[in-house]
C-alpha atoms as a PDB file:
ATOM      1  CA  MET A   1      18.401  38.186 -30.432  1.00  0.00           C
ATOM      2  CA  ALA A   2      16.814  39.779 -27.359  1.00  0.00           C
ATOM      3  CA  LYS A   3      19.313  40.153 -24.489  1.00  0.00           C
ATOM      4  CA  ILE A   4      18.546  39.899 -20.811  1.00  0.00           C
ATOM      5  CA  GLY A   5      20.744  41.012 -17.937  1.00  0.00           C
ATOM      6  CA  PHE A   6      20.529  38.968 -14.787  1.00  0.00           C
ATOM      7  CA  VAL A   7      21.567  39.515 -11.135  1.00  0.00           C
ATOM      8  CA  SER A   8      21.077  36.673  -8.657  1.00  0.00           C
ATOM      9  CA  LEU A   9      21.377  37.338  -4.931  1.00  0.00           C
ATOM     10  CA  GLY A  10      20.662  35.145  -1.945  1.00  0.00           C
ATOM     11  CA  CYS A  11      20.484  31.503  -0.944  1.00  0.00           C
ATOM     12  CA  PRO A  12      20.630  28.235  -2.864  1.00  0.00           C
ATOM     13  CA  LYS A  13      16.834  28.406  -3.372  1.00  0.00           C
ATOM     14  CA  ALA A  14      17.227  31.723  -5.133  1.00  0.00           C
ATOM     15  CA  LEU A  15      19.969  30.161  -7.243  1.00  0.00           C
ATOM     16  CA  VAL A  16      17.592  27.361  -8.290  1.00  0.00           C
ATOM     17  CA  ASP A  17      14.967  29.934  -9.221  1.00  0.00           C
ATOM     18  CA  SER A  18      17.583  31.868 -11.217  1.00  0.00           C
ATOM     19  CA  GLU A  19      18.649  28.725 -13.083  1.00  0.00           C
ATOM     20  CA  GLN A  20      15.035  27.910 -13.908  1.00  0.00           C
ATOM     21  CA  ILE A  21      14.339  31.390 -15.174  1.00  0.00           C
ATOM     22  CA  LEU A  22      17.518  31.510 -17.243  1.00  0.00           C
ATOM     23  CA  SER A  23      16.845  28.047 -18.732  1.00  0.00           C
ATOM     24  CA  ARG A  24      13.278  29.029 -19.700  1.00  0.00           C
ATOM     25  CA  LEU A  25      14.457  32.322 -21.183  1.00  0.00           C
ATOM     26  CA  LYS A  26      17.064  30.499 -23.307  1.00  0.00           C
ATOM     27  CA  ALA A  27      14.401  28.055 -24.530  1.00  0.00           C
ATOM     28  CA  LEU A  28      12.313  31.064 -25.627  1.00  0.00           C
ATOM     29  CA  GLY A  29      15.287  32.414 -27.595  1.00  0.00           C
ATOM     30  CA  TYR A  30      16.601  35.077 -25.258  1.00  0.00           C
ATOM     31  CA  GLU A  31      20.316  35.534 -24.688  1.00  0.00           C
ATOM     32  CA  THR A  32      21.961  36.709 -21.497  1.00  0.00           C
ATOM     33  CA  SER A  33      24.032  39.870 -21.512  1.00  0.00           C
ATOM     34  CA  PRO A  34      27.197  40.356 -19.463  1.00  0.00           C
ATOM     35  CA  THR A  35      26.472  44.078 -19.066  1.00  0.00           C
ATOM     36  CA  TYR A  36      23.492  46.262 -18.251  1.00  0.00           C
ATOM     37  CA  LYS A  37      24.225  48.439 -21.313  1.00  0.00           C
ATOM     38  CA  GLU A  38      23.975  45.542 -23.773  1.00  0.00           C
ATOM     39  CA  ALA A  39      20.800  44.171 -22.167  1.00  0.00           C
ATOM     40  CA  GLU A  40      17.318  45.199 -23.262  1.00  0.00           C
ATOM     41  CA  LEU A  41      15.928  44.314 -19.809  1.00  0.00           C
ATOM     42  CA  VAL A  42      17.407  43.265 -16.457  1.00  0.00           C
ATOM     43  CA  ILE A  43      15.989  40.713 -13.967  1.00  0.00           C
ATOM     44  CA  VAL A  44      17.144  41.065 -10.328  1.00  0.00           C
ATOM     45  CA  ASN A  45      16.522  38.010  -8.160  1.00  0.00           C
ATOM     46  CA  THR A  46      16.562  39.405  -4.643  1.00  0.00           C
ATOM     47  CA  CYS A  47      17.130  38.254  -1.077  1.00  0.00           C
ATOM     48  CA  GLY A  48      15.048  39.566   1.777  1.00  0.00           C
ATOM     49  CA  PHE A  49      16.161  37.410   4.677  1.00  0.00           C
ATOM     50  CA  ILE A  50      18.124  39.871   6.837  1.00  0.00           C
ATOM     51  CA  THR A  51      18.564  43.658   6.781  1.00  0.00           C
ATOM     52  CA  PRO A  52      21.962  43.655   5.014  1.00  0.00           C
ATOM     53  CA  ALA A  53      20.519  41.377   2.329  1.00  0.00           C
ATOM     54  CA  VAL A  54      17.532  43.664   1.839  1.00  0.00           C
ATOM     55  CA  GLU A  55      19.875  46.624   1.504  1.00  0.00           C
ATOM     56  CA  GLU A  56      22.048  44.769  -0.972  1.00  0.00           C
ATOM     57  CA  SER A  57      18.978  43.830  -3.031  1.00  0.00           C
ATOM     58  CA  LEU A  58      17.689  47.381  -3.051  1.00  0.00           C
ATOM     59  CA  GLU A  59      21.092  48.632  -4.115  1.00  0.00           C
ATOM     60  CA  ALA A  60      21.242  46.104  -6.947  1.00  0.00           C
ATOM     61  CA  ILE A  61      17.786  47.103  -8.145  1.00  0.00           C
ATOM     62  CA  GLY A  62      18.812  50.770  -8.077  1.00  0.00           C
ATOM     63  CA  GLU A  63      21.974  50.078 -10.042  1.00  0.00           C
ATOM     64  CA  ALA A  64      20.103  48.111 -12.684  1.00  0.00           C
ATOM     65  CA  LEU A  65      17.528  50.916 -13.022  1.00  0.00           C
ATOM     66  CA  ARG A  66      20.255  53.556 -13.405  1.00  0.00           C
ATOM     67  CA  GLU A  67      22.240  51.524 -15.913  1.00  0.00           C
ATOM     68  CA  ASN A  68      19.387  50.021 -17.907  1.00  0.00           C
ATOM     69  CA  GLY A  69      15.989  51.387 -16.891  1.00  0.00           C
ATOM     70  CA  GLN A  70      13.993  48.198 -17.672  1.00  0.00           C
ATOM     71  CA  VAL A  71      13.969  46.055 -14.498  1.00  0.00           C
ATOM     72  CA  VAL A  72      11.891  43.090 -13.335  1.00  0.00           C
ATOM     73  CA  VAL A  73      12.373  42.115  -9.691  1.00  0.00           C
ATOM     74  CA  THR A  74      11.799  38.650  -8.303  1.00  0.00           C
ATOM     75  CA  GLY A  75      12.854  36.596  -5.292  1.00  0.00           C
ATOM     76  CA  CYS A  76      12.291  36.764  -1.561  1.00  0.00           C
ATOM     77  CA  LEU A  77      12.253  40.526  -1.299  1.00  0.00           C
ATOM     78  CA  GLY A  78       9.619  40.466  -4.042  1.00  0.00           C
ATOM     79  CA  ALA A  79       7.243  38.976  -1.451  1.00  0.00           C
ATOM     80  CA  ARG A  80       7.293  42.460   0.107  1.00  0.00           C
ATOM     81  CA  PRO A  81       6.614  44.642  -2.970  1.00  0.00           C
ATOM     82  CA  GLU A  82       5.854  47.711  -0.888  1.00  0.00           C
ATOM     83  CA  VAL A  83       9.505  47.846   0.285  1.00  0.00           C
ATOM     84  CA  ILE A  84      10.708  47.788  -3.322  1.00  0.00           C
ATOM     85  CA  ARG A  85       8.091  50.207  -4.713  1.00  0.00           C
ATOM     86  CA  LYS A  86       8.830  52.727  -1.930  1.00  0.00           C
ATOM     87  CA  LYS A  87      12.511  52.913  -2.950  1.00  0.00           C
ATOM     88  CA  HIS A  88      12.186  52.069  -6.661  1.00  0.00           C
ATOM     89  CA  PRO A  89       8.727  52.865  -8.033  1.00  0.00           C
ATOM     90  CA  LYS A  90       9.867  52.542 -11.647  1.00  0.00           C
ATOM     91  CA  VAL A  91      10.485  48.764 -11.662  1.00  0.00           C
ATOM     92  CA  LEU A  92       8.359  47.102 -14.323  1.00  0.00           C
ATOM     93  CA  GLU A  93       7.127  44.102 -12.271  1.00  0.00           C
ATOM     94  CA  ILE A  94       7.702  42.531  -8.874  1.00  0.00           C
ATOM     95  CA  THR A  95       7.261  38.817  -8.283  1.00  0.00           C
ATOM     96  CA  GLY A  96       7.966  36.628  -5.288  1.00  0.00           C
ATOM     97  CA  PRO A  97      10.129  33.563  -4.865  1.00  0.00           C
ATOM     98  CA  GLY A  98       9.359  30.587  -7.128  1.00  0.00           C
ATOM     99  CA  GLU A  99       7.189  32.652  -9.511  1.00  0.00           C
ATOM    100  CA  VAL A 100       9.066  31.664 -12.653  1.00  0.00           C
ATOM    101  CA  GLU A 101       5.951  31.919 -14.884  1.00  0.00           C
ATOM    102  CA  ARG A 102       5.190  35.452 -13.686  1.00  0.00           C
ATOM    103  CA  VAL A 103       8.777  36.520 -14.385  1.00  0.00           C
ATOM    104  CA  LEU A 104       8.567  35.111 -17.894  1.00  0.00           C
ATOM    105  CA  GLU A 105       5.262  36.874 -18.458  1.00  0.00           C
ATOM    106  CA  ALA A 106       6.723  40.155 -17.265  1.00  0.00           C
ATOM    107  CA  VAL A 107       9.710  39.834 -19.590  1.00  0.00           C
ATOM    108  CA  GLN A 108       7.536  38.904 -22.562  1.00  0.00           C
ATOM    109  CA  ALA A 109       5.196  41.830 -21.916  1.00  0.00           C
ATOM    110  CA  VAL A 110       8.097  44.229 -22.516  1.00  0.00           C
ATOM    111  CA  LEU A 111      10.290  42.161 -24.805  1.00  0.00           C
ATOM    112  CA  PRO A 112       8.355  39.525 -26.815  1.00  0.00           C
ATOM    113  CA  ALA A 113       9.965  36.126 -27.061  1.00  0.00           C
ATOM    114  CA  PRO A 114      12.155  35.718 -30.139  1.00  0.00           C
ATOM    115  CA  ARG A 115      10.710  32.264 -30.820  1.00  0.00           C
ATOM    116  CA  ASP A 116       8.251  29.657 -29.698  1.00  0.00           C
ATOM    117  CA  PRO A 117      10.207  26.561 -28.696  1.00  0.00           C
ATOM    118  CA  PHE A 118       7.225  24.292 -29.405  1.00  0.00           C
ATOM    119  CA  LEU A 119       6.710  25.579 -32.933  1.00  0.00           C
ATOM    120  CA  ASP A 120      10.438  25.356 -33.596  1.00  0.00           C
ATOM    121  CA  LEU A 121      10.146  21.587 -33.195  1.00  0.00           C
ATOM    122  CA  VAL A 122       7.644  21.309 -36.086  1.00  0.00           C
ATOM    123  CA  PRO A 123       9.362  20.929 -39.478  1.00  0.00           C
ATOM    124  CA  PRO A 124       8.380  23.468 -42.118  1.00  0.00           C
ATOM    125  CA  ARG A 125       5.589  22.384 -44.479  1.00  0.00           C
ATOM    126  CA  SER A 126       6.498  21.725 -48.048  1.00  0.00           C
ATOM    127  CA  SER A 127       4.190  22.718 -50.907  1.00  0.00           C
ATOM    128  CA  SER A 128       4.915  19.442 -52.716  1.00  0.00           C
ATOM    129  CA  PRO A 129       3.470  16.117 -51.515  1.00  0.00           C
ATOM    130  CA  PRO A 130       5.807  13.802 -49.610  1.00  0.00           C
ATOM    131  CA  ALA A 131       7.868  11.438 -51.702  1.00  0.00           C
ATOM    132  CA  THR A 132       6.577   7.925 -51.922  1.00  0.00           C
ATOM    133  CA  THR A 133       8.561   4.790 -52.404  1.00  0.00           C
ATOM    134  CA  PRO A 134       7.254   2.308 -54.994  1.00  0.00           C
ATOM    135  CA  THR A 135       6.336  -1.062 -53.559  1.00  0.00           C
END
């Protein structure tokens, strides 16, 4: 199974975004990793509200890059990608708050989804015809 590391910083809105991203990743077959080393990719959901939050977010991005190397950034600070790219030009992708689909696309571009949740609902086809009951 593909493993994703996740860091969530910021307000309750960021937490909602984090929960949506994590739920969608799980539906696609990804697992979360408790450490950067075990993860194949790390998502950092940032805060950009006040200067200390920006600094904390940039520090978290830097740590994820040092420990893992494969980092997707999202969240409020992602709305100012120039701030992130100036300090951390090697991040894979930067998305803003509420951009769950873009985060999923960025993850899948680097680490294809282990499964398709819609196809997993379809039962496998049998080569023999379905059994019929005499009437």
